[in-house]
Amino acid sequence: MVLVQAVVETEFDAAFGRLAEQQVEALLIRSDILFNDRPQQLAALAARHALPAIHSLRDFAVAGGLMSYGTSLTNALREVGVYAGRILKGEKPADLPVQQSTKVELVINLKTAKALSITFPLPLLGRADEVIE
């Protein structure tokens, strides 16, 4: 396992360069405000270095990353709206139970997989919430 840090956007190129130098076979991009806001840039760097990469947000796979697996933001924001509605109707925030999003989604980008010569098993493709062709 290789751990590479990038704490500002200007460090992305160097971080991907270090991964390439070490001949890393795949990349897991952790969820972080810095990374979450730049799915196109990260997907482009992964493509340039022919590096299969996964991120927790759907936007990464849509932008050209290999795949994403994580919380459904649509579902989580819907729950936020329900909570806001309850508060606006007079419920006290302190009386509301803590909730955690339980819906996760798997998105697979087959165009990227083909470019990387990766084949996904049919059962996995069948379980994906979205397959980008």
Protein backbone atom coordinates (compact mmCIF):
# COMPACT_ATOMS: atom_id res chain seq x y z
CA MET A 1 0.00 0.00 0.00
CA VAL A 2 1.26 3.44 -0.93
CA LEU A 3 -0.06 6.56 0.76
CA VAL A 4 0.25 9.84 -1.11
CA GLN A 5 -0.94 13.18 0.24
CA ALA A 6 -2.12 16.27 -1.53
CA VAL A 7 -3.32 19.04 0.74
CA VAL A 8 -3.74 21.72 -1.94
CA GLU A 9 -4.80 21.45 -5.57
CA THR A 10 -1.34 22.36 -6.86
CA GLU A 11 0.00 19.10 -5.36
CA PHE A 12 -2.27 16.83 -7.44
CA ASP A 13 0.09 16.47 -10.40
CA ALA A 14 3.05 15.58 -8.20
CA ALA A 15 0.97 13.11 -6.18
CA PHE A 16 -0.17 11.28 -9.30
CA GLY A 17 3.42 11.35 -10.56
CA ARG A 18 4.60 9.63 -7.36
CA LEU A 19 1.90 7.00 -7.78
CA ALA A 20 3.04 6.34 -11.34
CA GLU A 21 6.71 6.12 -10.26
CA GLN A 22 5.79 3.52 -7.66
CA GLN A 23 3.75 1.59 -10.26
CA VAL A 24 0.60 1.64 -8.16
CA GLU A 25 -2.05 -0.60 -9.70
CA ALA A 26 -5.18 1.17 -8.37
CA LEU A 27 -6.17 4.24 -6.41
CA LEU A 28 -8.75 4.90 -3.72
CA ILE A 29 -9.45 8.62 -3.40
CA ARG A 30 -10.83 9.40 0.02
CA SER A 31 -13.74 11.68 0.55
CA ASP A 32 -12.51 15.15 1.43
CA ILE A 33 -13.72 18.65 0.57
CA LEU A 34 -10.58 19.22 -1.53
CA PHE A 35 -11.16 16.05 -3.58
CA ASN A 36 -14.97 16.17 -3.64
CA ASP A 37 -14.96 19.53 -5.41
CA ARG A 38 -12.61 18.42 -8.21
CA PRO A 39 -13.94 15.20 -9.78
CA GLN A 40 -13.08 16.22 -13.37
CA GLN A 41 -9.49 17.09 -12.49
CA LEU A 42 -8.95 13.87 -10.53
CA ALA A 43 -10.56 11.72 -13.23
CA ALA A 44 -8.40 13.37 -15.89
CA LEU A 45 -5.22 12.75 -13.88
CA ALA A 46 -6.19 9.11 -13.28
CA ALA A 47 -6.82 8.70 -17.02
CA ARG A 48 -3.52 10.38 -17.96
CA HIS A 49 -1.64 7.95 -15.69
CA ALA A 50 -3.81 4.95 -16.74
CA LEU A 51 -4.69 4.44 -13.09
CA PRO A 52 -7.94 2.70 -12.11
CA ALA A 53 -9.46 4.93 -9.43
CA ILE A 54 -12.50 4.85 -7.18
CA HIS A 55 -14.08 7.70 -5.23
CA SER A 56 -17.10 7.85 -2.96
CA LEU A 57 -19.01 10.41 -5.06
CA ARG A 58 -20.98 9.63 -8.23
CA ASP A 59 -19.62 12.79 -9.92
CA PHE A 60 -16.19 11.17 -10.12
CA ALA A 61 -17.39 8.24 -12.24
CA VAL A 62 -19.52 10.57 -14.37
CA ALA A 63 -16.42 12.74 -14.96
CA GLY A 64 -14.49 9.73 -16.29
CA GLY A 65 -13.23 7.97 -13.18
CA LEU A 66 -13.48 4.18 -13.19
CA MET A 67 -16.10 3.87 -10.48
CA SER A 68 -17.67 5.34 -7.40
CA TYR A 69 -19.19 3.75 -4.33
CA GLY A 70 -20.62 5.81 -1.53
CA THR A 71 -23.55 7.58 0.01
CA SER A 72 -26.29 8.68 -2.34
CA LEU A 73 -26.15 12.46 -2.08
CA THR A 74 -29.63 12.72 -3.57
CA ASN A 75 -31.01 10.56 -0.77
CA ALA A 76 -28.99 12.35 1.92
CA LEU A 77 -30.17 15.79 0.75
CA ARG A 78 -33.74 14.55 0.67
CA GLU A 79 -33.37 13.56 4.34
CA VAL A 80 -31.96 17.03 5.11
CA GLY A 81 -35.07 18.52 3.54
CA VAL A 82 -37.32 16.32 5.67
CA TYR A 83 -35.46 17.44 8.79
CA ALA A 84 -35.67 21.10 7.77
CA GLY A 85 -39.41 20.68 7.22
CA ARG A 86 -39.86 19.17 10.67
CA ILE A 87 -37.97 22.06 12.26
CA LEU A 88 -39.97 24.63 10.30
CA LYS A 89 -43.15 22.96 11.57
CA GLY A 90 -42.02 23.57 15.15
CA GLU A 91 -40.07 20.51 16.24
CA LYS A 92 -36.98 21.24 18.30
CA PRO A 93 -33.73 20.18 16.63
CA ALA A 94 -32.50 18.70 19.92
CA ASP A 95 -35.53 16.40 19.99
CA LEU A 96 -34.87 14.96 16.52
CA PRO A 97 -33.01 11.66 16.33
CA VAL A 98 -29.57 11.52 14.79
CA GLN A 99 -29.75 9.85 11.39
CA GLN A 100 -27.21 8.39 9.07
CA SER A 101 -27.70 7.91 5.37
CA THR A 102 -28.15 4.23 4.61
CA LYS A 103 -28.50 4.33 0.82
CA VAL A 104 -25.25 3.84 -1.05
CA GLU A 105 -24.77 3.73 -4.79
CA LEU A 106 -22.31 2.01 -7.08
CA VAL A 107 -21.54 3.68 -10.41
CA ILE A 108 -19.29 1.99 -12.97
CA ASN A 109 -17.87 3.77 -16.00
CA LEU A 110 -17.48 1.16 -18.76
CA LYS A 111 -15.83 3.65 -21.16
CA THR A 112 -13.04 4.14 -18.64
CA ALA A 113 -12.87 0.41 -17.92
CA LYS A 114 -12.42 -0.31 -21.63
CA ALA A 115 -9.66 2.31 -21.90
CA LEU A 116 -7.89 0.62 -18.96
CA SER A 117 -8.51 -2.92 -20.33
CA ILE A 118 -10.60 -3.81 -17.27
CA THR A 119 -13.54 -6.18 -17.47
CA PHE A 120 -16.17 -6.22 -14.75
CA PRO A 121 -17.99 -9.46 -13.91
CA LEU A 122 -21.62 -9.43 -15.09
CA PRO A 123 -23.01 -9.95 -11.55
CA LEU A 124 -21.23 -6.80 -10.39
CA LEU A 125 -22.53 -4.82 -13.37
CA GLY A 126 -26.00 -6.11 -12.55
CA ARG A 127 -25.75 -4.82 -9.00
CA ALA A 128 -24.53 -1.37 -10.02
CA ASP A 129 -26.98 1.50 -9.58
CA GLU A 130 -25.69 3.05 -12.79
CA VAL A 131 -23.44 1.83 -15.60
CA ILE A 132 -22.01 4.51 -17.87
CA GLU A 133 -21.43 3.16 -21.38
